């Protein structure tokens, strides 16, 4: 009986100790987002629980590369008909660099939710890896990123704007220039 009671007490203590840790992570994520906002990498209207979008990823890639001025000066058009003017320079520049691709030749789907594999592929291409040359496959881009040490784990599914900020493990797509739904 003592062992059961002691075991129950241990489980209760562990469970109660997780609650402050979880809220501490939320606070840490908010502080990290505030810092990124102050640095101009994300806008001040971020929502950590909102899905990250392909548009946000394209804009963040340009910011991470420090290529805002180059993107503004570049008049090349990728041919995507669904990209709003507010992010067209970044999307066109990232496409010209080969970091991003459209879902078709004329559609980028900027408001589509960003998957872990898509974000990983974007980052890997920006770092010089090539899915076309066989360095990685899109279906396993997050796994490849984890295997080469870019991420500590292989992320899966759809990313939120706060995915990385909560766990502080990967660059997070949450930049300014979020496109309004078309």
N, C-alpha and C. Protein backbone atom coordinates (compact mmCIF):
# COMPACT_ATOMS: atom_id res chain seq x y z
N UNK A 1 0.82 -1.19 0.00
CA UNK A 1 0.00 0.00 0.00
C UNK A 1 0.87 1.26 0.00
N UNK A 2 1.97 1.23 0.78
CA UNK A 2 2.87 2.38 0.82
C UNK A 2 3.48 2.65 -0.55
N UNK A 3 3.85 1.58 -1.26
CA UNK A 3 4.45 1.74 -2.59
C UNK A 3 3.47 2.39 -3.55
N UNK A 4 2.21 1.96 -3.50
CA UNK A 4 1.21 2.55 -4.38
C UNK A 4 0.99 4.02 -4.05
N UNK A 5 0.91 4.33 -2.80
CA UNK A 5 0.72 5.71 -2.38
C UNK A 5 1.91 6.57 -2.78
N UNK A 6 3.11 6.04 -2.59
CA UNK A 6 4.32 6.76 -2.97
C UNK A 6 4.38 6.95 -4.49
N UNK A 7 4.00 5.92 -5.23
CA UNK A 7 3.97 6.01 -6.69
C UNK A 7 2.98 7.06 -7.14
N UNK A 8 1.80 7.06 -6.55
CA UNK A 8 0.78 8.04 -6.88
C UNK A 8 1.26 9.45 -6.57
N UNK A 9 1.92 9.61 -5.43
CA UNK A 9 2.46 10.91 -5.05
C UNK A 9 3.51 11.38 -6.05
N UNK A 10 4.38 10.47 -6.49
CA UNK A 10 5.41 10.82 -7.49
C UNK A 10 4.77 11.26 -8.80
N UNK A 11 3.76 10.54 -9.25
CA UNK A 11 3.07 10.90 -10.48
C UNK A 11 2.42 12.27 -10.33
N UNK A 12 1.78 12.52 -9.20
CA UNK A 12 1.15 13.80 -8.96
C UNK A 12 2.16 14.94 -8.96
N UNK A 13 3.29 14.74 -8.30
CA UNK A 13 4.34 15.77 -8.26
C UNK A 13 4.88 16.03 -9.66
N UNK A 14 5.13 14.99 -10.43
CA UNK A 14 5.62 15.17 -11.80
C UNK A 14 4.60 15.90 -12.67
N UNK A 15 3.35 15.54 -12.52
CA UNK A 15 2.30 16.18 -13.32
C UNK A 15 2.18 17.66 -12.98
N UNK A 16 2.17 17.99 -11.70
CA UNK A 16 2.06 19.38 -11.28
C UNK A 16 3.28 20.17 -11.70
N UNK A 17 4.45 19.55 -11.71
CA UNK A 17 5.66 20.27 -12.09
C UNK A 17 5.71 20.58 -13.59
N UNK A 18 4.98 19.85 -14.41
CA UNK A 18 4.95 20.09 -15.84
C UNK A 18 4.17 21.35 -16.18
N UNK A 19 3.16 21.68 -15.42
CA UNK A 19 2.31 22.84 -15.70
C UNK A 19 3.11 24.14 -15.69
N UNK A 20 3.91 24.43 -14.64
CA UNK A 20 4.71 25.66 -14.72
C UNK A 20 5.73 25.62 -15.85
N UNK A 21 6.28 24.45 -16.13
CA UNK A 21 7.26 24.35 -17.22
C UNK A 21 6.62 24.69 -18.55
N UNK A 22 5.40 24.22 -18.79
CA UNK A 22 4.71 24.52 -20.04
C UNK A 22 4.42 26.01 -20.16
N UNK A 23 3.97 26.64 -19.08
CA UNK A 23 3.70 28.07 -19.17
C UNK A 23 4.99 28.86 -19.28
N UNK A 24 6.08 28.36 -18.72
CA UNK A 24 7.38 29.02 -18.88
C UNK A 24 7.80 28.99 -20.35
N UNK A 25 7.54 27.86 -21.03
CA UNK A 25 7.86 27.78 -22.45
C UNK A 25 7.05 28.78 -23.25
N UNK A 26 5.76 28.95 -22.89
CA UNK A 26 4.94 29.94 -23.56
C UNK A 26 5.53 31.33 -23.37
N UNK A 27 5.92 31.65 -22.15
CA UNK A 27 6.53 32.95 -21.87
C UNK A 27 7.83 33.13 -22.63
N UNK A 28 8.62 32.08 -22.70
CA UNK A 28 9.88 32.13 -23.44
C UNK A 28 9.62 32.34 -24.93
N UNK A 29 8.59 31.67 -25.44
CA UNK A 29 8.25 31.83 -26.86
C UNK A 29 7.82 33.26 -27.14
N UNK A 30 7.02 33.83 -26.24
CA UNK A 30 6.58 35.22 -26.44
C UNK A 30 7.77 36.18 -26.38
N UNK A 31 8.71 35.94 -25.46
CA UNK A 31 9.90 36.80 -25.37
C UNK A 31 10.74 36.67 -26.64
N UNK A 32 10.88 35.45 -27.15
CA UNK A 32 11.65 35.26 -28.38
C UNK A 32 10.97 35.96 -29.55
N UNK A 33 9.65 35.87 -29.63
CA UNK A 33 8.91 36.55 -30.69
C UNK A 33 9.05 38.05 -30.57
N UNK A 34 8.99 38.58 -29.34
CA UNK A 34 9.18 40.02 -29.15
C UNK A 34 10.57 40.45 -29.62
N UNK A 35 11.58 39.64 -29.34
CA UNK A 35 12.94 39.96 -29.78
C UNK A 35 13.02 39.97 -31.29
N UNK A 36 12.45 38.96 -31.94
CA UNK A 36 12.45 38.91 -33.41
C UNK A 36 11.69 40.10 -34.00
N UNK A 37 10.62 40.51 -33.34
CA UNK A 37 9.87 41.68 -33.79
C UNK A 37 10.72 42.94 -33.68
N UNK A 38 11.43 43.08 -32.56
CA UNK A 38 12.30 44.23 -32.36
C UNK A 38 13.40 44.28 -33.42
N UNK A 39 13.89 43.12 -33.82
CA UNK A 39 14.93 43.05 -34.84
C UNK A 39 14.38 43.26 -36.26
N UNK A 40 13.06 43.31 -36.37
CA UNK A 40 12.44 43.52 -37.68
C UNK A 40 12.29 42.26 -38.50
N UNK A 41 12.50 41.10 -37.89
CA UNK A 41 12.35 39.85 -38.63
C UNK A 41 10.91 39.38 -38.69
N UNK A 42 10.09 39.78 -37.73
CA UNK A 42 8.66 39.48 -37.78
C UNK A 42 7.92 40.75 -37.39
N UNK A 43 6.65 40.83 -37.75
CA UNK A 43 5.90 42.01 -37.37
C UNK A 43 5.33 41.83 -35.96
N UNK A 44 4.81 42.90 -35.42
CA UNK A 44 4.35 42.87 -34.04
C UNK A 44 2.98 42.24 -33.88
N UNK A 45 2.37 41.79 -34.98
CA UNK A 45 1.04 41.17 -34.90
C UNK A 45 1.12 39.65 -34.99
N UNK A 46 2.25 39.09 -34.63
CA UNK A 46 2.42 37.64 -34.71
C UNK A 46 1.41 36.91 -33.83
N UNK A 47 1.08 35.71 -34.24
CA UNK A 47 0.20 34.83 -33.48
C UNK A 47 0.89 33.48 -33.44
N UNK A 48 1.42 33.11 -32.29
CA UNK A 48 2.23 31.90 -32.18
C UNK A 48 1.47 30.63 -32.52
N UNK A 49 0.13 30.66 -32.41
CA UNK A 49 -0.65 29.46 -32.68
C UNK A 49 -1.18 29.39 -34.11
N UNK A 50 -1.03 30.45 -34.88
CA UNK A 50 -1.52 30.48 -36.26
C UNK A 50 -0.60 29.64 -37.15
N UNK A 51 -1.18 29.01 -38.16
CA UNK A 51 -0.33 28.24 -39.09
C UNK A 51 0.65 29.17 -39.81
N UNK A 52 1.86 28.72 -39.98
CA UNK A 52 2.84 29.45 -40.78
C UNK A 52 2.45 29.25 -42.25
N UNK A 53 2.73 30.25 -43.08
CA UNK A 53 2.35 30.17 -44.49
C UNK A 53 3.58 30.15 -45.39
N UNK A 54 3.35 29.74 -46.62
CA UNK A 54 4.42 29.73 -47.61
C UNK A 54 4.92 31.15 -47.88
N UNK A 55 4.01 32.13 -47.83
CA UNK A 55 4.42 33.53 -48.03
C UNK A 55 5.37 33.96 -46.94
N UNK A 56 5.04 33.65 -45.70
CA UNK A 56 5.90 34.01 -44.58
C UNK A 56 7.27 33.36 -44.72
N UNK A 57 7.29 32.13 -45.16
CA UNK A 57 8.57 31.42 -45.33
C UNK A 57 9.44 32.11 -46.37
N UNK A 58 8.84 32.51 -47.49
CA UNK A 58 9.60 33.17 -48.55
C UNK A 58 10.18 34.49 -48.06
N UNK A 59 9.37 35.27 -47.35
CA UNK A 59 9.84 36.54 -46.83
C UNK A 59 10.95 36.33 -45.80
N UNK A 60 10.77 35.35 -44.92
CA UNK A 60 11.78 35.09 -43.90
C UNK A 60 13.10 34.62 -44.51
N UNK A 61 13.05 33.83 -45.57
CA UNK A 61 14.29 33.40 -46.23
C UNK A 61 15.09 34.61 -46.71
N UNK A 62 14.40 35.57 -47.31
CA UNK A 62 15.09 36.77 -47.79
C UNK A 62 15.68 37.53 -46.61
N UNK A 63 14.93 37.63 -45.51
CA UNK A 63 15.44 38.30 -44.31
C UNK A 63 16.66 37.56 -43.74
N UNK A 64 16.56 36.24 -43.65
CA UNK A 64 17.68 35.45 -43.11
C UNK A 64 18.94 35.59 -43.96
N UNK A 65 18.75 35.73 -45.26
CA UNK A 65 19.89 35.89 -46.17
C UNK A 65 20.42 37.31 -46.17
N UNK A 66 19.70 38.22 -45.53
CA UNK A 66 20.12 39.62 -45.53
C UNK A 66 19.99 40.24 -46.91
N UNK A 67 19.02 39.75 -47.68
CA UNK A 67 18.91 40.16 -49.09
C UNK A 67 17.72 41.07 -49.36
N UNK A 68 17.26 41.81 -48.35
CA UNK A 68 16.11 42.69 -48.56
C UNK A 68 16.37 43.70 -49.66
N UNK A 69 17.54 44.33 -49.66
CA UNK A 69 17.85 45.34 -50.68
C UNK A 69 18.00 44.70 -52.06
N UNK A 70 18.61 43.55 -52.10
CA UNK A 70 18.76 42.85 -53.38
C UNK A 70 17.39 42.47 -53.94
N UNK A 71 16.50 42.02 -53.07
CA UNK A 71 15.15 41.66 -53.52
C UNK A 71 14.40 42.88 -54.03
N UNK A 72 14.56 44.01 -53.34
CA UNK A 72 13.88 45.24 -53.75
C UNK A 72 14.40 45.75 -55.10
N UNK A 73 15.67 45.51 -55.38
CA UNK A 73 16.28 45.98 -56.63
C UNK A 73 16.09 45.02 -57.80
N UNK A 74 15.67 43.80 -57.51
CA UNK A 74 15.54 42.76 -58.53
C UNK A 74 14.16 42.84 -59.18
N UNK A 75 14.12 42.99 -60.49
CA UNK A 75 12.85 43.10 -61.21
C UNK A 75 12.42 41.79 -61.87
N UNK A 76 13.11 40.69 -61.58
CA UNK A 76 12.78 39.41 -62.18
C UNK A 76 11.43 38.92 -61.68
N UNK A 77 10.63 38.33 -62.54
CA UNK A 77 9.31 37.82 -62.16
C UNK A 77 9.30 36.30 -62.28
N UNK A 78 8.85 35.65 -61.22
CA UNK A 78 8.78 34.19 -61.22
C UNK A 78 7.60 33.67 -62.02
N UNK A 79 6.60 34.51 -62.24
CA UNK A 79 5.44 34.08 -63.01
C UNK A 79 4.29 33.58 -62.16
N UNK A 80 4.39 33.72 -60.85
CA UNK A 80 3.29 33.31 -59.97
C UNK A 80 2.21 34.38 -60.03
N UNK A 81 1.00 33.96 -60.37
CA UNK A 81 -0.11 34.91 -60.52
C UNK A 81 -0.86 35.17 -59.23
N UNK A 82 -0.57 34.39 -58.19
CA UNK A 82 -1.34 34.51 -56.95
C UNK A 82 -0.58 35.18 -55.81
N UNK A 83 0.52 35.83 -56.12
CA UNK A 83 1.33 36.48 -55.09
C UNK A 83 0.95 37.95 -54.99
N UNK A 84 0.52 38.40 -53.81
CA UNK A 84 0.16 39.81 -53.66
C UNK A 84 1.38 40.72 -53.77
N UNK A 85 1.14 41.95 -54.17
CA UNK A 85 2.23 42.92 -54.38
C UNK A 85 3.06 43.14 -53.12
N UNK A 86 2.44 43.00 -51.94
CA UNK A 86 3.15 43.27 -50.69
C UNK A 86 4.33 42.33 -50.44
N UNK A 87 4.33 41.17 -51.07
CA UNK A 87 5.43 40.21 -50.87
C UNK A 87 6.05 39.75 -52.18
N UNK A 88 5.64 40.35 -53.28
CA UNK A 88 6.10 39.91 -54.60
C UNK A 88 7.62 39.96 -54.75
N UNK A 89 8.25 41.02 -54.24
CA UNK A 89 9.70 41.13 -54.39
C UNK A 89 10.42 39.97 -53.70
N UNK A 90 10.00 39.65 -52.48
CA UNK A 90 10.66 38.57 -51.74
C UNK A 90 10.41 37.22 -52.39
N UNK A 91 9.16 36.97 -52.80
CA UNK A 91 8.84 35.68 -53.43
C UNK A 91 9.60 35.54 -54.75
N UNK A 92 9.60 36.57 -55.57
CA UNK A 92 10.31 36.51 -56.85
C UNK A 92 11.81 36.32 -56.63
N UNK A 93 12.38 37.02 -55.68
CA UNK A 93 13.82 36.90 -55.41
C UNK A 93 14.15 35.49 -54.91
N UNK A 94 13.37 34.99 -53.95
CA UNK A 94 13.63 33.65 -53.42
C UNK A 94 13.48 32.58 -54.51
N UNK A 95 12.51 32.78 -55.40
CA UNK A 95 12.33 31.84 -56.51
C UNK A 95 13.51 31.92 -57.47
N UNK A 96 13.97 33.13 -57.77
CA UNK A 96 15.11 33.29 -58.68
C UNK A 96 16.37 32.64 -58.11
N UNK A 97 16.53 32.70 -56.79
CA UNK A 97 17.69 32.09 -56.15
C UNK A 97 17.57 30.56 -56.09
N UNK A 98 16.37 30.05 -56.37
CA UNK A 98 16.15 28.61 -56.33
C UNK A 98 15.80 28.09 -54.95
N UNK A 99 15.49 28.99 -54.01
CA UNK A 99 15.19 28.58 -52.65
C UNK A 99 13.77 28.05 -52.52
N UNK A 100 12.85 28.62 -53.30
CA UNK A 100 11.44 28.21 -53.24
C UNK A 100 10.97 27.81 -54.63
N UNK A 101 9.91 27.06 -54.65
CA UNK A 101 9.25 26.71 -55.91
C UNK A 101 7.75 26.90 -55.73
N UNK A 102 7.06 27.03 -56.83
CA UNK A 102 5.61 27.12 -56.77
C UNK A 102 5.01 25.72 -56.73
N UNK A 103 3.72 25.68 -56.47
CA UNK A 103 3.03 24.40 -56.52
C UNK A 103 2.70 24.04 -57.96
N UNK A 104 2.67 25.06 -58.83
CA UNK A 104 2.61 24.88 -60.28
C UNK A 104 3.50 25.98 -60.87
N UNK A 105 3.59 26.03 -62.17
CA UNK A 105 4.41 27.05 -62.81
C UNK A 105 3.86 28.46 -62.59
N UNK A 106 2.55 28.58 -62.34
CA UNK A 106 1.95 29.91 -62.18
C UNK A 106 1.33 30.14 -60.80
N UNK A 107 1.38 29.17 -59.92
CA UNK A 107 0.77 29.31 -58.60
C UNK A 107 1.78 29.01 -57.49
N UNK A 108 1.91 29.95 -56.57
CA UNK A 108 2.77 29.77 -55.41
C UNK A 108 1.96 29.36 -54.18
N UNK A 109 0.71 29.73 -54.13
CA UNK A 109 -0.18 29.51 -52.99
C UNK A 109 0.41 30.10 -51.72
N UNK A 110 0.56 31.41 -51.69
CA UNK A 110 1.21 32.08 -50.56
C UNK A 110 0.51 31.87 -49.22
N UNK A 111 -0.80 31.69 -49.23
CA UNK A 111 -1.53 31.54 -47.97
C UNK A 111 -1.66 30.09 -47.53
N UNK A 112 -1.11 29.16 -48.30
CA UNK A 112 -1.18 27.75 -47.92
C UNK A 112 -0.32 27.51 -46.68
N UNK A 113 -0.79 26.60 -45.86
CA UNK A 113 -0.05 26.25 -44.64
C UNK A 113 1.32 25.68 -45.02
N UNK A 114 2.29 25.99 -44.22
CA UNK A 114 3.66 25.56 -44.46
C UNK A 114 3.94 24.24 -43.75
N UNK A 115 4.35 23.25 -44.52
CA UNK A 115 4.68 21.97 -43.91
C UNK A 115 6.14 21.95 -43.48
N UNK A 116 6.44 21.05 -42.59
CA UNK A 116 7.83 20.90 -42.12
C UNK A 116 8.75 20.54 -43.28
N UNK A 117 8.29 19.68 -44.18
CA UNK A 117 9.13 19.30 -45.32
C UNK A 117 9.36 20.47 -46.27
N UNK A 118 8.32 21.29 -46.50
CA UNK A 118 8.49 22.45 -47.39
C UNK A 118 9.47 23.45 -46.78
N UNK A 119 9.31 23.77 -45.50
CA UNK A 119 10.21 24.72 -44.84
C UNK A 119 11.63 24.19 -44.84
N UNK A 120 11.78 22.91 -44.57
CA UNK A 120 13.11 22.31 -44.57
C UNK A 120 13.73 22.38 -45.96
N UNK A 121 12.93 22.09 -46.99
CA UNK A 121 13.44 22.16 -48.36
C UNK A 121 13.87 23.58 -48.70
N UNK A 122 13.07 24.57 -48.32
CA UNK A 122 13.43 25.97 -48.57
C UNK A 122 14.77 26.30 -47.91
N UNK A 123 14.91 25.94 -46.64
CA UNK A 123 16.15 26.23 -45.91
C UNK A 123 17.34 25.48 -46.51
N UNK A 124 17.13 24.21 -46.84
CA UNK A 124 18.23 23.41 -47.40
C UNK A 124 18.70 24.00 -48.73
N UNK A 125 17.75 24.42 -49.57
CA UNK A 125 18.14 25.04 -50.85
C UNK A 125 18.91 26.34 -50.60
N UNK A 126 18.46 27.12 -49.62
CA UNK A 126 19.16 28.37 -49.32
C UNK A 126 20.59 28.08 -48.86
N UNK A 127 20.79 26.95 -48.21
CA UNK A 127 22.12 26.57 -47.72
C UNK A 127 22.98 25.88 -48.79
N UNK A 128 22.41 25.70 -50.00
CA UNK A 128 23.19 25.14 -51.09
C UNK A 128 22.92 23.68 -51.41
N UNK A 129 22.03 23.04 -50.67
CA UNK A 129 21.65 21.66 -50.99
C UNK A 129 20.65 21.68 -52.13
N UNK A 130 20.57 20.58 -52.87
CA UNK A 130 19.69 20.54 -54.03
C UNK A 130 18.89 19.25 -54.07
N UNK A 131 17.57 19.40 -54.12
CA UNK A 131 16.73 18.22 -54.31
C UNK A 131 16.85 17.73 -55.75
N UNK A 132 17.11 18.64 -56.68
CA UNK A 132 17.27 18.25 -58.08
C UNK A 132 18.54 17.42 -58.30
N UNK A 133 19.58 17.73 -57.53
CA UNK A 133 20.84 16.98 -57.65
C UNK A 133 20.83 15.72 -56.80
N UNK A 134 19.74 15.50 -56.07
CA UNK A 134 19.62 14.28 -55.27
C UNK A 134 20.16 14.37 -53.86
N UNK A 135 20.47 15.58 -53.38
CA UNK A 135 20.95 15.71 -52.00
C UNK A 135 19.89 15.28 -51.00
N UNK A 136 18.62 15.60 -51.30
CA UNK A 136 17.51 15.24 -50.43
C UNK A 136 16.25 15.14 -51.28
N UNK A 137 15.21 14.57 -50.72
CA UNK A 137 13.91 14.54 -51.39
C UNK A 137 12.96 15.44 -50.62
N UNK A 138 11.99 15.98 -51.31
CA UNK A 138 11.01 16.84 -50.64
C UNK A 138 10.27 16.05 -49.56
N UNK A 139 9.92 14.81 -49.86
CA UNK A 139 9.17 13.99 -48.91
C UNK A 139 9.94 13.72 -47.62
N UNK A 140 11.27 13.83 -47.66
CA UNK A 140 12.08 13.58 -46.47
C UNK A 140 12.98 14.77 -46.14
N UNK A 141 12.60 15.96 -46.58
CA UNK A 141 13.46 17.13 -46.35
C UNK A 141 13.68 17.40 -44.86
N UNK A 142 12.63 17.27 -44.05
CA UNK A 142 12.78 17.51 -42.60
C UNK A 142 13.67 16.44 -41.98
N UNK A 143 13.53 15.21 -42.43
CA UNK A 143 14.39 14.14 -41.92
C UNK A 143 15.84 14.36 -42.30
N UNK A 144 16.08 14.77 -43.55
CA UNK A 144 17.44 15.06 -43.99
C UNK A 144 18.03 16.22 -43.20
N UNK A 145 17.22 17.26 -42.99
CA UNK A 145 17.69 18.42 -42.22
C UNK A 145 18.10 17.99 -40.81
N UNK A 146 17.35 17.08 -40.24
CA UNK A 146 17.69 16.57 -38.90
C UNK A 146 18.98 15.75 -38.96
N UNK A 147 19.12 14.92 -39.99
CA UNK A 147 20.31 14.06 -40.09
C UNK A 147 21.60 14.85 -40.29
N UNK A 148 21.52 16.00 -40.95
CA UNK A 148 22.75 16.80 -41.15
C UNK A 148 22.98 17.78 -40.01
N UNK A 149 22.08 17.78 -39.02
CA UNK A 149 22.27 18.63 -37.84
C UNK A 149 21.62 20.00 -37.91
N UNK A 150 20.81 20.26 -38.94
CA UNK A 150 20.13 21.55 -39.03
C UNK A 150 19.06 21.67 -37.94
N UNK A 151 18.37 20.58 -37.68
CA UNK A 151 17.36 20.52 -36.63
C UNK A 151 17.71 19.37 -35.68
N UNK A 152 17.34 19.48 -34.42
CA UNK A 152 17.63 18.40 -33.48
C UNK A 152 16.69 17.21 -33.64
N UNK A 153 15.54 17.42 -34.26
CA UNK A 153 14.58 16.35 -34.51
C UNK A 153 14.04 16.51 -35.92
N UNK A 154 13.39 15.48 -36.43
CA UNK A 154 12.74 15.57 -37.74
C UNK A 154 11.32 16.06 -37.51
N UNK A 155 11.07 17.32 -37.83
CA UNK A 155 9.74 17.89 -37.67
C UNK A 155 8.80 17.27 -38.70
N UNK A 156 7.51 17.22 -38.36
CA UNK A 156 6.51 16.67 -39.27
C UNK A 156 5.28 17.56 -39.26
N UNK A 157 4.47 17.40 -40.29
CA UNK A 157 3.19 18.08 -40.33
C UNK A 157 3.29 19.55 -40.66
N UNK A 158 2.22 20.26 -40.33
CA UNK A 158 2.12 21.69 -40.59
C UNK A 158 2.75 22.46 -39.43
N UNK A 159 3.50 23.49 -39.75
CA UNK A 159 4.15 24.31 -38.73
C UNK A 159 3.26 25.47 -38.34
N UNK A 160 3.36 25.87 -37.09
CA UNK A 160 2.71 27.10 -36.65
C UNK A 160 3.77 28.18 -36.60
N UNK A 161 3.34 29.41 -36.46
CA UNK A 161 4.29 30.50 -36.38
C UNK A 161 5.15 30.39 -35.12
N UNK A 162 4.66 29.70 -34.12
CA UNK A 162 5.42 29.58 -32.87
C UNK A 162 6.11 28.26 -32.68
N UNK A 163 6.09 27.37 -33.68
CA UNK A 163 6.69 26.05 -33.53
C UNK A 163 8.12 26.14 -32.99
N UNK A 164 8.93 26.90 -33.65
CA UNK A 164 10.33 26.96 -33.23
C UNK A 164 10.53 27.85 -32.02
N UNK A 165 9.71 28.89 -31.91
CA UNK A 165 9.89 29.79 -30.79
C UNK A 165 9.60 29.10 -29.47
N UNK A 166 8.66 28.17 -29.47
CA UNK A 166 8.34 27.46 -28.24
C UNK A 166 9.48 26.52 -27.84
N UNK A 167 10.10 25.92 -28.83
CA UNK A 167 11.11 24.92 -28.52
C UNK A 167 12.52 25.40 -28.80
N UNK A 168 12.65 26.60 -29.42
CA UNK A 168 13.94 27.23 -29.70
C UNK A 168 14.89 26.28 -30.41
N UNK A 169 14.38 25.62 -31.44
CA UNK A 169 15.19 24.61 -32.11
C UNK A 169 15.42 24.85 -33.58
N UNK A 170 14.65 25.73 -34.21
CA UNK A 170 14.84 25.94 -35.64
C UNK A 170 14.38 27.32 -36.03
N UNK A 171 14.90 27.87 -37.13
CA UNK A 171 14.40 29.15 -37.60
C UNK A 171 12.92 29.03 -37.92
N UNK A 172 12.16 30.01 -37.55
CA UNK A 172 10.71 29.93 -37.65
C UNK A 172 10.15 30.90 -38.68
N UNK A 173 9.27 30.44 -39.56
CA UNK A 173 8.68 31.33 -40.54
C UNK A 173 7.58 32.17 -39.94
N UNK A 174 7.88 33.37 -39.54
CA UNK A 174 6.86 34.28 -39.01
C UNK A 174 7.25 35.72 -39.32
N UNK A 175 7.55 36.05 -40.58
CA UNK A 175 8.01 37.39 -40.92
C UNK A 175 6.88 38.36 -41.19
N UNK A 176 7.25 39.59 -41.47
CA UNK A 176 6.27 40.59 -41.89
C UNK A 176 5.82 40.27 -43.30
N UNK A 177 4.75 40.91 -43.71
CA UNK A 177 4.29 40.75 -45.09
C UNK A 177 3.32 39.61 -45.28
N UNK A 178 2.63 39.19 -44.24
CA UNK A 178 1.66 38.12 -44.39
C UNK A 178 0.60 38.56 -45.39
N UNK A 179 0.35 37.71 -46.34
CA UNK A 179 -0.60 38.05 -47.39
C UNK A 179 -2.03 37.88 -46.90
N UNK A 180 -2.87 38.78 -47.32
CA UNK A 180 -4.30 38.65 -47.01
C UNK A 180 -4.88 37.59 -47.94
N UNK A 181 -5.89 36.84 -47.48
CA UNK A 181 -6.50 35.82 -48.35
C UNK A 181 -7.02 36.45 -49.63
N UNK A 182 -6.83 35.76 -50.72
CA UNK A 182 -7.27 36.25 -52.03
C UNK A 182 -8.73 35.95 -52.24
